[in-house]
C-alpha atoms as a PDB file:
ATOM      1  CA  MET A   1       0.000   0.000   0.000  1.00  0.00           C
ATOM      2  CA  LYS A   2       0.955   3.640  -0.391  1.00  0.00           C
ATOM      3  CA  GLY A   3      -0.233   6.724   1.424  1.00  0.00           C
ATOM      4  CA  ILE A   4       0.419  10.424   1.710  1.00  0.00           C
ATOM      5  CA  ILE A   5       2.097  11.779   4.829  1.00  0.00           C
ATOM      6  CA  LEU A   6      -0.156  14.538   6.157  1.00  0.00           C
ATOM      7  CA  LYS A   7       1.854  15.321   9.300  1.00  0.00           C
ATOM      8  CA  ASN A   8       5.233  14.263  10.644  1.00  0.00           C
ATOM      9  CA  GLU A   9       5.198  15.997  13.995  1.00  0.00           C
ATOM     10  CA  ARG A  10       8.182  16.322  16.309  1.00  0.00           C
ATOM     11  CA  LEU A  11       7.010  15.630  19.875  1.00  0.00           C
ATOM     12  CA  ASN A  12      10.488  16.057  21.397  1.00  0.00           C
ATOM     13  CA  ASP A  13      14.082  15.017  20.645  1.00  0.00           C
ATOM     14  CA  LYS A  14      13.155  11.341  20.994  1.00  0.00           C
ATOM     15  CA  TYR A  15       9.689  10.839  19.480  1.00  0.00           C
ATOM     16  CA  ARG A  16       7.739  11.705  16.324  1.00  0.00           C
ATOM     17  CA  LEU A  17       4.077  11.255  15.396  1.00  0.00           C
ATOM     18  CA  MET A  18       3.230  10.619  11.741  1.00  0.00           C
ATOM     19  CA  GLU A  19      -0.253  10.867  10.230  1.00  0.00           C
ATOM     20  CA  ILE A  20      -0.792   9.079   6.910  1.00  0.00           C
ATOM     21  CA  GLU A  21      -3.752   9.287   4.575  1.00  0.00           C
ATOM     22  CA  SER A  22      -4.890   5.895   3.275  1.00  0.00           C
ATOM     23  CA  PRO A  23      -8.629   5.128   3.086  1.00  0.00           C
ATOM     24  CA  GLU A  24      -7.927   1.476   2.263  1.00  0.00           C
ATOM     25  CA  PHE A  25      -5.759   0.934   5.335  1.00  0.00           C
ATOM     26  CA  ALA A  26      -8.032   2.957   7.615  1.00  0.00           C
ATOM     27  CA  GLN A  27     -11.013   0.788   6.736  1.00  0.00           C
ATOM     28  CA  THR A  28      -9.298  -2.501   7.584  1.00  0.00           C
ATOM     29  CA  ALA A  29      -7.017  -1.837  10.580  1.00  0.00           C
ATOM     30  CA  LYS A  30      -7.930  -3.007  14.096  1.00  0.00           C
ATOM     31  CA  PRO A  31      -6.665  -1.845  17.532  1.00  0.00           C
ATOM     32  CA  GLY A  32      -3.366  -3.466  18.483  1.00  0.00           C
ATOM     33  CA  GLN A  33      -2.338  -4.375  14.937  1.00  0.00           C
ATOM     34  CA  PHE A  34       0.896  -3.189  13.398  1.00  0.00           C
ATOM     35  CA  VAL A  35       2.271  -2.166  10.012  1.00  0.00           C
ATOM     36  CA  MET A  36       5.617  -2.576   8.206  1.00  0.00           C
ATOM     37  CA  VAL A  37       6.822   0.774   6.856  1.00  0.00           C
ATOM     38  CA  LYS A  38       9.231   1.761   4.090  1.00  0.00           C
ATOM     39  CA  THR A  39       9.938   5.403   3.375  1.00  0.00           C
ATOM     40  CA  GLY A  40      10.561   6.832  -0.073  1.00  0.00           C
ATOM     41  CA  LEU A  41      14.172   7.367   1.013  1.00  0.00           C
ATOM     42  CA  GLN A  42      14.842   3.596   1.310  1.00  0.00           C
ATOM     43  CA  ASP A  43      15.565   1.229  -1.553  1.00  0.00           C
ATOM     44  CA  TYR A  44      16.199  -2.482  -1.663  1.00  0.00           C
ATOM     45  CA  LEU A  45      19.782  -2.101  -2.863  1.00  0.00           C
ATOM     46  CA  ALA A  46      20.933  -0.042   0.090  1.00  0.00           C
ATOM     47  CA  ASP A  47      20.847   0.057   3.865  1.00  0.00           C
ATOM     48  CA  PRO A  48      18.370  -0.161   5.513  1.00  0.00           C
ATOM     49  CA  LEU A  49      17.053  -3.111   3.532  1.00  0.00           C
ATOM     50  CA  LEU A  50      14.076  -4.067   5.643  1.00  0.00           C
ATOM     51  CA  ARG A  51      10.833  -2.344   6.485  1.00  0.00           C
ATOM     52  CA  ARG A  52      10.243  -1.328  10.078  1.00  0.00           C
ATOM     53  CA  PRO A  53       7.283  -2.505  12.235  1.00  0.00           C
ATOM     54  CA  PHE A  54       5.166   0.050  14.100  1.00  0.00           C
ATOM     55  CA  GLY A  55       2.008  -0.296  16.150  1.00  0.00           C
ATOM     56  CA  VAL A  56      -0.996   1.639  14.878  1.00  0.00           C
ATOM     57  CA  VAL A  57      -1.884   4.474  17.267  1.00  0.00           C
ATOM     58  CA  ASP A  58      -5.382   5.020  15.900  1.00  0.00           C
ATOM     59  CA  VAL A  59      -7.496   5.612  12.824  1.00  0.00           C
ATOM     60  CA  ARG A  60      -9.263   8.892  12.195  1.00  0.00           C
ATOM     61  CA  GLY A  61     -11.438   8.997   9.090  1.00  0.00           C
ATOM     62  CA  ASN A  62      -9.215   8.102   6.149  1.00  0.00           C
ATOM     63  CA  THR A  63      -5.983   8.504   8.089  1.00  0.00           C
ATOM     64  CA  PHE A  64      -3.951   6.489  10.587  1.00  0.00           C
ATOM     65  CA  ARG A  65      -1.134   7.509  12.917  1.00  0.00           C
ATOM     66  CA  LEU A  66       2.204   5.994  13.875  1.00  0.00           C
ATOM     67  CA  LEU A  67       4.303   6.919  16.898  1.00  0.00           C
ATOM     68  CA  TYR A  68       7.998   6.264  16.452  1.00  0.00           C
ATOM     69  CA  MET A  69      11.131   6.644  18.516  1.00  0.00           C
ATOM     70  CA  LEU A  70      14.436   7.641  16.919  1.00  0.00           C
ATOM     71  CA  VAL A  71      16.662   4.582  17.309  1.00  0.00           C
ATOM     72  CA  GLY A  72      18.473   4.068  13.996  1.00  0.00           C
ATOM     73  CA  LYS A  73      18.750   4.762  10.306  1.00  0.00           C
ATOM     74  CA  GLY A  74      15.238   3.577   9.454  1.00  0.00           C
ATOM     75  CA  THR A  75      13.552   5.935  11.901  1.00  0.00           C
ATOM     76  CA  ARG A  76      15.939   8.751  10.973  1.00  0.00           C
ATOM     77  CA  LEU A  77      14.766   8.432   7.367  1.00  0.00           C
ATOM     78  CA  MET A  78      11.207   8.670   8.628  1.00  0.00           C
ATOM     79  CA  THR A  79      12.026  12.004  10.253  1.00  0.00           C
ATOM     80  CA  GLU A  80      13.290  13.206   6.858  1.00  0.00           C
ATOM     81  CA  SER A  81      10.009  12.305   5.132  1.00  0.00           C
ATOM     82  CA  PRO A  82       8.061  15.562   4.858  1.00  0.00           C
ATOM     83  CA  ALA A  83       4.329  16.159   4.749  1.00  0.00           C
ATOM     84  CA  GLY A  84       3.079  15.610   1.215  1.00  0.00           C
ATOM     85  CA  SER A  85       5.530  12.813   0.404  1.00  0.00           C
ATOM     86  CA  VAL A  86       4.558   9.222  -0.367  1.00  0.00           C
ATOM     87  CA  ILE A  87       5.241   6.395   2.094  1.00  0.00           C
ATOM     88  CA  GLU A  88       4.874   2.647   1.518  1.00  0.00           C
ATOM     89  CA  PHE A  89       3.512   0.200   4.063  1.00  0.00           C
ATOM     90  CA  SER A  90       1.996  -3.244   4.433  1.00  0.00           C
ATOM     91  CA  SER A  91      -1.632  -4.016   5.128  1.00  0.00           C
ATOM     92  CA  SER A  92      -2.599  -4.133   8.809  1.00  0.00           C
ATOM     93  CA  LEU A  93      -0.859  -7.152  10.350  1.00  0.00           C
ATOM     94  CA  GLY A  94      -1.215  -9.432  13.348  1.00  0.00           C
ATOM     95  CA  ASN A  95      -3.897 -10.057  15.932  1.00  0.00           C
ATOM     96  CA  GLY A  96      -4.752  -7.035  18.029  1.00  0.00           C
ATOM     97  CA  PHE A  97      -6.573  -6.298  21.267  1.00  0.00           C
ATOM     98  CA  LYS A  98     -10.155  -7.441  21.782  1.00  0.00           C
ATOM     99  CA  SER A  99     -12.423  -4.929  23.462  1.00  0.00           C
ATOM    100  CA  VAL A 100     -14.705  -5.821  26.371  1.00  0.00           C
ATOM    101  CA  LYS A 101     -17.762  -4.091  27.789  1.00  0.00           C
ATOM    102  CA  ASN A 102     -18.638  -2.652  31.184  1.00  0.00           C
ATOM    103  CA  GLN A 103     -15.488  -3.812  32.989  1.00  0.00           C
ATOM    104  CA  ASN A 104     -12.856  -2.232  35.197  1.00  0.00           C
ATOM    105  CA  ILE A 105      -9.763  -2.066  32.971  1.00  0.00           C
ATOM    106  CA  ALA A 106      -6.126  -1.149  33.535  1.00  0.00           C
ATOM    107  CA  LEU A 107      -3.781  -0.103  30.751  1.00  0.00           C
ATOM    108  CA  ALA A 108      -0.066  -0.383  31.548  1.00  0.00           C
ATOM    109  CA  ALA A 109       2.436   1.328  29.255  1.00  0.00           C
ATOM    110  CA  GLY A 110       6.151   2.003  29.216  1.00  0.00           C
ATOM    111  CA  GLY A 111       7.604   4.684  26.914  1.00  0.00           C
ATOM    112  CA  VAL A 112       6.825   4.151  23.241  1.00  0.00           C
ATOM    113  CA  GLY A 113       4.650   1.210  24.326  1.00  0.00           C
ATOM    114  CA  ILE A 114       1.894   3.757  24.776  1.00  0.00           C
ATOM    115  CA  ALA A 115       1.341   3.696  20.990  1.00  0.00           C
ATOM    116  CA  PRO A 116      -1.152   0.830  20.542  1.00  0.00           C
ATOM    117  CA  LEU A 117      -3.107   1.593  23.739  1.00  0.00           C
ATOM    118  CA  LEU A 118      -4.828   4.830  22.682  1.00  0.00           C
ATOM    119  CA  TRP A 119      -7.182   3.221  20.190  1.00  0.00           C
ATOM    120  CA  ILE A 120      -8.223   0.398  22.530  1.00  0.00           C
ATOM    121  CA  ALA A 121      -8.739   2.972  25.327  1.00  0.00           C
ATOM    122  CA  LYS A 122     -11.231   4.812  23.125  1.00  0.00           C
ATOM    123  CA  LEU A 123     -13.152   1.608  22.358  1.00  0.00           C
ATOM    124  CA  LEU A 124     -13.170   0.451  25.969  1.00  0.00           C
ATOM    125  CA  LYS A 125     -14.504   3.785  27.172  1.00  0.00           C
ATOM    126  CA  ASP A 126     -17.172   3.791  24.460  1.00  0.00           C
ATOM    127  CA  ASP A 127     -18.182   0.294  25.601  1.00  0.00           C
ATOM    128  CA  GLY A 128     -18.862   1.373  29.174  1.00  0.00           C
ATOM    129  CA  CYS A 129     -15.563   0.397  30.798  1.00  0.00           C
ATOM    130  CA  ARG A 130     -13.840   2.270  33.599  1.00  0.00           C
ATOM    131  CA  VAL A 131     -10.259   2.743  32.377  1.00  0.00           C
ATOM    132  CA  THR A 132      -7.123   3.490  34.404  1.00  0.00           C
ATOM    133  CA  LEU A 133      -3.833   4.188  32.619  1.00  0.00           C
ATOM    134  CA  TYR A 134      -0.496   3.463  34.316  1.00  0.00           C
ATOM    135  CA  PHE A 135       2.189   5.152  32.236  1.00  0.00           C
ATOM    136  CA  GLY A 136       5.892   4.971  33.021  1.00  0.00           C
ATOM    137  CA  GLY A 137       9.114   6.222  31.464  1.00  0.00           C
ATOM    138  CA  ARG A 138      12.691   7.074  32.238  1.00  0.00           C
ATOM    139  CA  ASN A 139      11.893  10.789  32.415  1.00  0.00           C
ATOM    140  CA  GLN A 140       9.396  13.429  31.307  1.00  0.00           C
ATOM    141  CA  GLU A 141      10.492  13.065  27.684  1.00  0.00           C
ATOM    142  CA  ASP A 142       8.998   9.549  27.620  1.00  0.00           C
ATOM    143  CA  ILE A 143       5.558  10.660  28.799  1.00  0.00           C
ATOM    144  CA  ILE A 144       3.958  11.377  25.440  1.00  0.00           C
ATOM    145  CA  LEU A 145       0.355  11.509  24.203  1.00  0.00           C
ATOM    146  CA  ALA A 146      -0.912  11.596  27.805  1.00  0.00           C
ATOM    147  CA  ASP A 147      -3.231  14.517  27.035  1.00  0.00           C
ATOM    148  CA  GLU A 148      -4.793  12.587  24.172  1.00  0.00           C
ATOM    149  CA  PHE A 149      -5.735   9.817  26.591  1.00  0.00           C
ATOM    150  CA  ARG A 150      -7.465  12.045  29.138  1.00  0.00           C
ATOM    151  CA  PRO A 151     -10.916  12.145  27.427  1.00  0.00           C
ATOM    152  CA  HIS A 152     -10.896   8.347  27.166  1.00  0.00           C
ATOM    153  CA  ILE A 153      -9.757   7.280  30.629  1.00  0.00           C
ATOM    154  CA  ASP A 154     -10.978   7.760  34.190  1.00  0.00           C
ATOM    155  CA  LYS A 155      -7.616   7.919  35.919  1.00  0.00           C
ATOM    156  CA  LEU A 156      -4.009   8.530  34.883  1.00  0.00           C
ATOM    157  CA  ILE A 157      -1.033   7.474  37.014  1.00  0.00           C
ATOM    158  CA  ILE A 158       2.383   8.566  35.762  1.00  0.00           C
ATOM    159  CA  THR A 159       5.749   7.327  37.001  1.00  0.00           C
ATOM    160  CA  THR A 160       9.298   8.152  35.927  1.00  0.00           C
ATOM    161  CA  ASP A 161      12.664   6.763  36.925  1.00  0.00           C
ATOM    162  CA  ASP A 162      14.005  10.220  37.804  1.00  0.00           C
ATOM    163  CA  GLY A 163      10.790  11.708  39.210  1.00  0.00           C
ATOM    164  CA  SER A 164      10.775  14.539  36.626  1.00  0.00           C
ATOM    165  CA  ILE A 165       7.027  13.993  36.270  1.00  0.00           C
ATOM    166  CA  GLY A 166       4.668  11.841  38.316  1.00  0.00           C
ATOM    167  CA  GLU A 167       5.802   9.432  41.029  1.00  0.00           C
ATOM    168  CA  LYS A 168       9.476   8.471  41.125  1.00  0.00           C
ATOM    169  CA  ALA A 169       9.058   4.733  40.690  1.00  0.00           C
ATOM    170  CA  LEU A 170       8.690   1.949  38.176  1.00  0.00           C
ATOM    171  CA  VAL A 171       5.207   1.824  36.709  1.00  0.00           C
ATOM    172  CA  THR A 172       4.719  -1.618  38.221  1.00  0.00           C
ATOM    173  CA  ALA A 173       4.882  -0.165  41.760  1.00  0.00           C
ATOM    174  CA  PRO A 174       1.522   1.682  41.788  1.00  0.00           C
ATOM    175  CA  PHE A 175       0.025  -0.895  39.460  1.00  0.00           C
ATOM    176  CA  GLU A 176       0.792  -3.753  41.844  1.00  0.00           C
ATOM    177  CA  LYS A 177      -1.070  -2.008  44.668  1.00  0.00           C
ATOM    178  CA  ASP A 178      -4.271  -1.828  42.592  1.00  0.00           C
ATOM    179  CA  ALA A 179      -4.001  -4.824  40.277  1.00  0.00           C
ATOM    180  CA  ALA A 180      -6.348  -7.220  42.066  1.00  0.00           C
ATOM    181  CA  GLY A 181      -9.241  -4.779  41.602  1.00  0.00           C
ATOM    182  CA  PHE A 182      -9.221  -4.914  37.810  1.00  0.00           C
ATOM    183  CA  ASP A 183     -11.194  -7.251  35.553  1.00  0.00           C
ATOM    184  CA  ARG A 184      -8.572  -7.219  32.768  1.00  0.00           C
ATOM    185  CA  VAL A 185      -5.247  -5.594  31.936  1.00  0.00           C
ATOM    186  CA  TYR A 186      -3.812  -4.529  28.570  1.00  0.00           C
ATOM    187  CA  ALA A 187      -0.085  -3.770  28.486  1.00  0.00           C
ATOM    188  CA  CYS A 188       2.657  -2.698  26.082  1.00  0.00           C
ATOM    189  CA  GLY A 189       6.207  -1.589  26.782  1.00  0.00           C
ATOM    190  CA  PRO A 190       9.651  -2.950  27.644  1.00  0.00           C
ATOM    191  CA  LYS A 191       9.781  -6.726  27.954  1.00  0.00           C
ATOM    192  CA  ARG A 192      10.855  -6.772  31.598  1.00  0.00           C
ATOM    193  CA  MET A 193       7.960  -4.461  32.419  1.00  0.00           C
ATOM    194  CA  LEU A 194       5.524  -6.760  30.597  1.00  0.00           C
ATOM    195  CA  GLN A 195       6.916  -9.757  32.442  1.00  0.00           C
ATOM    196  CA  ALA A 196       6.457  -7.995  35.784  1.00  0.00           C
ATOM    197  CA  VAL A 197       2.928  -6.864  34.907  1.00  0.00           C
ATOM    198  CA  SER A 198       2.018 -10.399  33.840  1.00  0.00           C
ATOM    199  CA  GLU A 199       3.422 -11.940  37.019  1.00  0.00           C
ATOM    200  CA  ILE A 200       1.444  -9.458  39.128  1.00  0.00           C
ATOM    201  CA  CYS A 201      -1.719 -10.296  37.190  1.00  0.00           C
ATOM    202  CA  VAL A 202      -1.193 -14.044  37.519  1.00  0.00           C
ATOM    203  CA  LYS A 203      -0.702 -13.624  41.250  1.00  0.00           C
ATOM    204  CA  GLY A 204      -3.939 -11.621  41.489  1.00  0.00           C
ATOM    205  CA  GLY A 205      -5.918 -13.830  39.122  1.00  0.00           C
ATOM    206  CA  VAL A 206      -6.417 -11.015  36.604  1.00  0.00           C
ATOM    207  CA  PRO A 207      -6.443 -11.728  32.828  1.00  0.00           C
ATOM    208  CA  VAL A 208      -3.666  -9.841  31.043  1.00  0.00           C
ATOM    209  CA  ASP A 209      -3.071  -9.199  27.340  1.00  0.00           C
ATOM    210  CA  VAL A 210       0.426  -8.042  26.392  1.00  0.00           C
ATOM    211  CA  SER A 211       1.563  -6.592  23.069  1.00  0.00           C
ATOM    212  CA  LEU A 212       5.081  -7.823  22.319  1.00  0.00           C
ATOM    213  CA  ASP A 213       7.648  -5.935  20.278  1.00  0.00           C
ATOM    214  CA  GLU A 214      10.033  -8.382  18.567  1.00  0.00           C
ATOM    215  CA  ARG A 215      12.514  -7.843  15.746  1.00  0.00           C
ATOM    216  CA  MET A 216      10.760  -8.679  12.478  1.00  0.00           C
ATOM    217  CA  ALA A 217      12.106  -9.035   8.953  1.00  0.00           C
ATOM    218  CA  CYS A 218       8.977  -9.829   6.956  1.00  0.00           C
ATOM    219  CA  GLY A 219       6.055  -9.278   9.346  1.00  0.00           C
ATOM    220  CA  MET A 220       4.119 -12.076   7.626  1.00  0.00           C
ATOM    221  CA  GLY A 221       5.394 -15.232   9.323  1.00  0.00           C
ATOM    222  CA  ALA A 222       7.754 -16.391   6.557  1.00  0.00           C
ATOM    223  CA  CYS A 223      11.170 -15.542   8.025  1.00  0.00           C
ATOM    224  CA  LEU A 224      10.509 -16.977  11.530  1.00  0.00           C
ATOM    225  CA  GLY A 225      12.623 -14.185  12.975  1.00  0.00           C
ATOM    226  CA  CYS A 226      10.175 -13.274  15.737  1.00  0.00           C
ATOM    227  CA  ILE A 227       9.555 -16.667  17.349  1.00  0.00           C
ATOM    228  CA  ILE A 228       8.590 -16.729  21.013  1.00  0.00           C
ATOM    229  CA  TYR A 229       7.369 -19.568  23.244  1.00  0.00           C
ATOM    230  CA  VAL A 230       4.017 -19.868  24.985  1.00  0.00           C
ATOM    231  CA  ARG A 231       2.421 -22.550  27.123  1.00  0.00           C
ATOM    232  CA  GLU A 232      -0.524 -24.483  25.722  1.00  0.00           C
ATOM    233  CA  GLY A 233      -1.713 -26.925  28.361  1.00  0.00           C
ATOM    234  CA  GLU A 234       1.227 -29.151  29.291  1.00  0.00           C
ATOM    235  CA  GLU A 235       3.196 -28.190  26.179  1.00  0.00           C
ATOM    236  CA  THR A 236       5.447 -25.289  25.277  1.00  0.00           C
ATOM    237  CA  VAL A 237       4.980 -24.255  21.663  1.00  0.00           C
ATOM    238  CA  GLN A 238       6.487 -21.764  19.255  1.00  0.00           C
ATOM    239  CA  LYS A 239       4.498 -18.747  18.085  1.00  0.00           C
ATOM    240  CA  ARG A 240       5.307 -16.149  15.461  1.00  0.00           C
ATOM    241  CA  CYS A 241       4.963 -12.774  17.102  1.00  0.00           C
ATOM    242  CA  CYS A 242       3.916 -11.186  13.790  1.00  0.00           C
ATOM    243  CA  VAL A 243       1.144 -13.649  12.871  1.00  0.00           C
ATOM    244  CA  GLU A 244      -0.109 -15.212  16.115  1.00  0.00           C
ATOM    245  CA  GLY A 245       0.657 -11.949  17.989  1.00  0.00           C
ATOM    246  CA  PRO A 246       1.703  -9.314  18.698  1.00  0.00           C
ATOM    247  CA  VAL A 247      -0.944  -9.561  21.433  1.00  0.00           C
ATOM    248  CA  PHE A 248      -0.639 -12.634  23.663  1.00  0.00           C
ATOM    249  CA  ASP A 249      -2.078 -13.879  26.930  1.00  0.00           C
ATOM    250  CA  GLY A 250       0.633 -12.673  29.318  1.00  0.00           C
ATOM    251  CA  SER A 251       0.008 -15.550  31.714  1.00  0.00           C
ATOM    252  CA  LYS A 252       1.035 -18.069  29.032  1.00  0.00           C
ATOM    253  CA  VAL A 253       4.146 -16.384  27.643  1.00  0.00           C
ATOM    254  CA  VAL A 254       7.425 -18.135  28.486  1.00  0.00           C
ATOM    255  CA  TRP A 255       9.205 -14.960  29.480  1.00  0.00           C
ATOM    256  CA  GLU A 256      12.648 -16.551  29.352  1.00  0.00           C
ATOM    257  CA  SER A 257      12.148 -16.805  25.564  1.00  0.00           C
ATOM    258  CA  VAL A 258      11.225 -13.134  25.316  1.00  0.00           C
ATOM    259  CA  CYS A 259      13.560 -11.429  27.815  1.00  0.00           C
ATOM    260  CA  ARG A 260      16.739 -12.844  26.360  1.00  0.00           C
END
């Protein structure tokens, strides 16, 4: 697919928010899915060779948005893609979050892991859920899009490692105090954070869905580069994060295969 970049907004030195016009993509994407992106500045004869995976922030009319963090050449080329230029991307990929109705929900996010939680927050709120967002980062620079969440959540709890905004703590600290009171938890962020959130939920008997972020070459299950392990009954089986995920039951993930 191809789309037109409408906005490529600088949020701070670390993060950008890109809005892309594509009616075809907007009509098919679901919350929690992801997309493989290739800018017009990449070609298949030069570095970087591969497309980059990004979670879909949300869909608005004929447009969708991607939040990205500057980590390498691929994301640097995205910053150099101006509004009005053409960008290539895959169809919407993977299995996303499933919404529920009239439940007490916690969202747990770390840094750029906030990206796929905005859309599901909107749906949950529309479906009568009470939604609490626990959002953690290293410092204030990591606390992005928080204002966009406020109309769609009932409570926001922010933590940072240095205390520059919110409570000086890991996001799992306030979450653990409240976890047993939730009906379900949706989480995305660093792998160790997701492991900790899942272990807290298992201990409290709370269902937890985690969105995993693995290195992917194809995004379509062919290269097997994003294999993780999950428990199915008495067995441990392989799953492709791109096809069977990126959202998994956190209580069944073999975290040793993810946090390696």
